[in-house]
Amino acid sequence: MSTDPIDTLRRWQDSGARWRVLWRRADAVTIGLFECTGGQQVDQFTSTDPALLRFLGERTSSEG
């Protein structure tokens, strides 16, 4: 996994897979990485990166 969480999400989404916010508070977020079908969770990571929090905004997944 890339050390840049935004890059990780973009590459994951560009490959057709999905991500979802599993947990969020004002200064941290945990993202789940899921198969292309949205079924099984493959990995997850937690980040306090302010750039990632801005990138996510109010989104809860790659699907919307």
N, C-alpha and C. Protein backbone atom coordinates (compact mmCIF):
# COMPACT_ATOMS: atom_id res chain seq x y z
N MET A 1 0.85 -1.17 0.00
CA MET A 1 0.00 0.00 0.00
C MET A 1 0.89 1.23 0.00
N SER A 2 0.48 2.24 -0.75
CA SER A 2 1.21 3.50 -0.81
C SER A 2 1.19 4.18 0.55
N THR A 3 2.19 5.00 0.81
CA THR A 3 2.20 5.76 2.05
C THR A 3 1.30 6.99 1.96
N ASP A 4 0.85 7.33 0.76
CA ASP A 4 -0.08 8.44 0.55
C ASP A 4 -1.50 7.88 0.53
N PRO A 5 -2.31 8.15 1.55
CA PRO A 5 -3.64 7.54 1.60
C PRO A 5 -4.56 7.96 0.45
N ILE A 6 -4.41 9.18 -0.05
CA ILE A 6 -5.23 9.62 -1.18
C ILE A 6 -4.86 8.83 -2.42
N ASP A 7 -3.57 8.64 -2.64
CA ASP A 7 -3.10 7.84 -3.77
C ASP A 7 -3.63 6.41 -3.66
N THR A 8 -3.61 5.86 -2.46
CA THR A 8 -4.13 4.51 -2.25
C THR A 8 -5.59 4.43 -2.66
N LEU A 9 -6.42 5.37 -2.22
CA LEU A 9 -7.84 5.34 -2.56
C LEU A 9 -8.06 5.52 -4.07
N ARG A 10 -7.32 6.43 -4.67
CA ARG A 10 -7.47 6.65 -6.12
C ARG A 10 -7.09 5.41 -6.92
N ARG A 11 -5.95 4.78 -6.56
CA ARG A 11 -5.53 3.58 -7.28
C ARG A 11 -6.53 2.44 -7.06
N TRP A 12 -7.02 2.32 -5.85
CA TRP A 12 -7.99 1.27 -5.53
C TRP A 12 -9.25 1.46 -6.37
N GLN A 13 -9.75 2.68 -6.40
CA GLN A 13 -10.96 2.99 -7.16
C GLN A 13 -10.72 2.85 -8.66
N ASP A 14 -9.58 3.31 -9.15
CA ASP A 14 -9.26 3.22 -10.58
C ASP A 14 -9.17 1.78 -11.06
N SER A 15 -8.85 0.86 -10.14
CA SER A 15 -8.77 -0.55 -10.52
C SER A 15 -10.14 -1.23 -10.49
N GLY A 16 -11.17 -0.47 -10.12
CA GLY A 16 -12.52 -1.01 -10.11
C GLY A 16 -12.98 -1.50 -8.75
N ALA A 17 -12.10 -1.45 -7.77
CA ALA A 17 -12.46 -1.87 -6.42
C ALA A 17 -13.16 -0.73 -5.69
N ARG A 18 -13.63 -1.00 -4.48
CA ARG A 18 -14.39 -0.01 -3.73
C ARG A 18 -13.78 0.25 -2.36
N TRP A 19 -14.02 1.43 -1.85
CA TRP A 19 -13.62 1.75 -0.48
C TRP A 19 -14.80 2.35 0.25
N ARG A 20 -14.79 2.18 1.57
CA ARG A 20 -15.85 2.74 2.41
C ARG A 20 -15.26 3.28 3.71
N VAL A 21 -15.84 4.36 4.19
CA VAL A 21 -15.47 4.87 5.51
C VAL A 21 -16.11 3.96 6.54
N LEU A 22 -15.29 3.36 7.39
CA LEU A 22 -15.79 2.46 8.43
C LEU A 22 -16.01 3.19 9.74
N TRP A 23 -15.20 4.22 9.98
CA TRP A 23 -15.24 4.96 11.23
C TRP A 23 -14.67 6.34 10.97
N ARG A 24 -15.27 7.34 11.58
CA ARG A 24 -14.78 8.71 11.36
C ARG A 24 -15.02 9.54 12.61
N ARG A 25 -14.06 10.39 12.87
CA ARG A 25 -14.25 11.49 13.82
C ARG A 25 -13.56 12.70 13.21
N ALA A 26 -13.57 13.82 13.87
CA ALA A 26 -13.08 15.06 13.26
C ALA A 26 -11.63 14.99 12.82
N ASP A 27 -10.80 14.20 13.53
CA ASP A 27 -9.36 14.21 13.23
C ASP A 27 -8.81 12.87 12.76
N ALA A 28 -9.67 11.91 12.46
CA ALA A 28 -9.20 10.58 12.02
C ALA A 28 -10.30 9.85 11.27
N VAL A 29 -9.86 8.91 10.45
CA VAL A 29 -10.81 8.11 9.67
C VAL A 29 -10.23 6.72 9.46
N THR A 30 -11.10 5.72 9.45
CA THR A 30 -10.70 4.36 9.09
C THR A 30 -11.44 4.00 7.81
N ILE A 31 -10.67 3.58 6.82
CA ILE A 31 -11.18 3.24 5.50
C ILE A 31 -11.07 1.73 5.30
N GLY A 32 -12.14 1.13 4.81
CA GLY A 32 -12.11 -0.28 4.43
C GLY A 32 -11.97 -0.40 2.93
N LEU A 33 -11.12 -1.31 2.49
CA LEU A 33 -10.91 -1.57 1.06
C LEU A 33 -11.60 -2.89 0.73
N PHE A 34 -12.48 -2.84 -0.27
CA PHE A 34 -13.34 -3.97 -0.60
C PHE A 34 -13.11 -4.45 -2.03
N GLU A 35 -13.49 -5.71 -2.27
CA GLU A 35 -13.42 -6.28 -3.62
C GLU A 35 -14.24 -5.44 -4.58
N CYS A 36 -14.04 -5.67 -5.88
CA CYS A 36 -14.76 -4.94 -6.91
C CYS A 36 -16.28 -5.08 -6.77
N THR A 37 -16.72 -6.21 -6.27
CA THR A 37 -18.15 -6.44 -6.08
C THR A 37 -18.70 -5.70 -4.87
N GLY A 38 -17.81 -5.17 -4.05
CA GLY A 38 -18.23 -4.51 -2.83
C GLY A 38 -18.45 -5.50 -1.70
N GLY A 39 -18.19 -6.77 -1.97
CA GLY A 39 -18.43 -7.82 -1.00
C GLY A 39 -17.41 -7.86 0.11
N GLN A 40 -16.44 -8.72 -0.01
CA GLN A 40 -15.48 -8.99 1.06
C GLN A 40 -14.49 -7.84 1.26
N GLN A 41 -14.27 -7.49 2.52
CA GLN A 41 -13.24 -6.50 2.85
C GLN A 41 -11.87 -7.16 2.74
N VAL A 42 -10.97 -6.49 2.02
CA VAL A 42 -9.64 -7.02 1.76
C VAL A 42 -8.60 -6.43 2.72
N ASP A 43 -8.77 -5.16 3.07
CA ASP A 43 -7.81 -4.47 3.92
C ASP A 43 -8.49 -3.26 4.53
N GLN A 44 -7.81 -2.60 5.44
CA GLN A 44 -8.28 -1.34 5.99
C GLN A 44 -7.09 -0.56 6.53
N PHE A 45 -7.28 0.74 6.66
CA PHE A 45 -6.25 1.57 7.28
C PHE A 45 -6.90 2.74 7.98
N THR A 46 -6.21 3.26 8.98
CA THR A 46 -6.65 4.43 9.73
C THR A 46 -5.65 5.54 9.48
N SER A 47 -6.16 6.76 9.32
CA SER A 47 -5.28 7.89 9.03
C SER A 47 -5.77 9.14 9.75
N THR A 48 -4.82 9.98 10.11
CA THR A 48 -5.11 11.30 10.66
C THR A 48 -4.64 12.39 9.70
N ASP A 49 -4.33 12.01 8.47
CA ASP A 49 -3.82 12.94 7.45
C ASP A 49 -4.89 13.99 7.12
N PRO A 50 -4.61 15.26 7.39
CA PRO A 50 -5.59 16.31 7.09
C PRO A 50 -5.96 16.37 5.61
N ALA A 51 -5.01 16.08 4.73
CA ALA A 51 -5.30 16.10 3.29
C ALA A 51 -6.31 15.02 2.93
N LEU A 52 -6.20 13.85 3.55
CA LEU A 52 -7.17 12.78 3.30
C LEU A 52 -8.54 13.19 3.81
N LEU A 53 -8.60 13.77 4.99
CA LEU A 53 -9.89 14.20 5.54
C LEU A 53 -10.56 15.23 4.63
N ARG A 54 -9.77 16.15 4.06
CA ARG A 54 -10.31 17.13 3.10
C ARG A 54 -10.77 16.43 1.84
N PHE A 55 -9.97 15.48 1.33
CA PHE A 55 -10.30 14.74 0.12
C PHE A 55 -11.63 14.01 0.28
N LEU A 56 -11.84 13.39 1.43
CA LEU A 56 -13.08 12.65 1.67
C LEU A 56 -14.28 13.57 1.81
N GLY A 57 -14.08 14.71 2.45
CA GLY A 57 -15.22 15.60 2.71
C GLY A 57 -16.29 14.84 3.47
N GLU A 58 -17.50 14.87 2.95
CA GLU A 58 -18.62 14.16 3.58
C GLU A 58 -18.87 12.79 2.96
N ARG A 59 -18.07 12.42 1.96
CA ARG A 59 -18.28 11.11 1.32
C ARG A 59 -18.08 9.98 2.31
N THR A 60 -18.84 8.93 2.09
CA THR A 60 -18.73 7.74 2.93
C THR A 60 -18.23 6.53 2.15
N SER A 61 -18.10 6.69 0.83
CA SER A 61 -17.61 5.58 0.02
C SER A 61 -17.17 6.08 -1.34
N SER A 62 -16.57 5.16 -2.11
CA SER A 62 -16.18 5.47 -3.48
C SER A 62 -17.39 5.46 -4.41
N GLU A 63 -18.51 5.07 -3.90
CA GLU A 63 -19.72 4.93 -4.72
C GLU A 63 -20.61 6.15 -4.69
N GLY A 64 -20.13 7.23 -4.14
CA GLY A 64 -21.01 8.37 -4.14
C GLY A 64 -20.54 9.56 -3.47
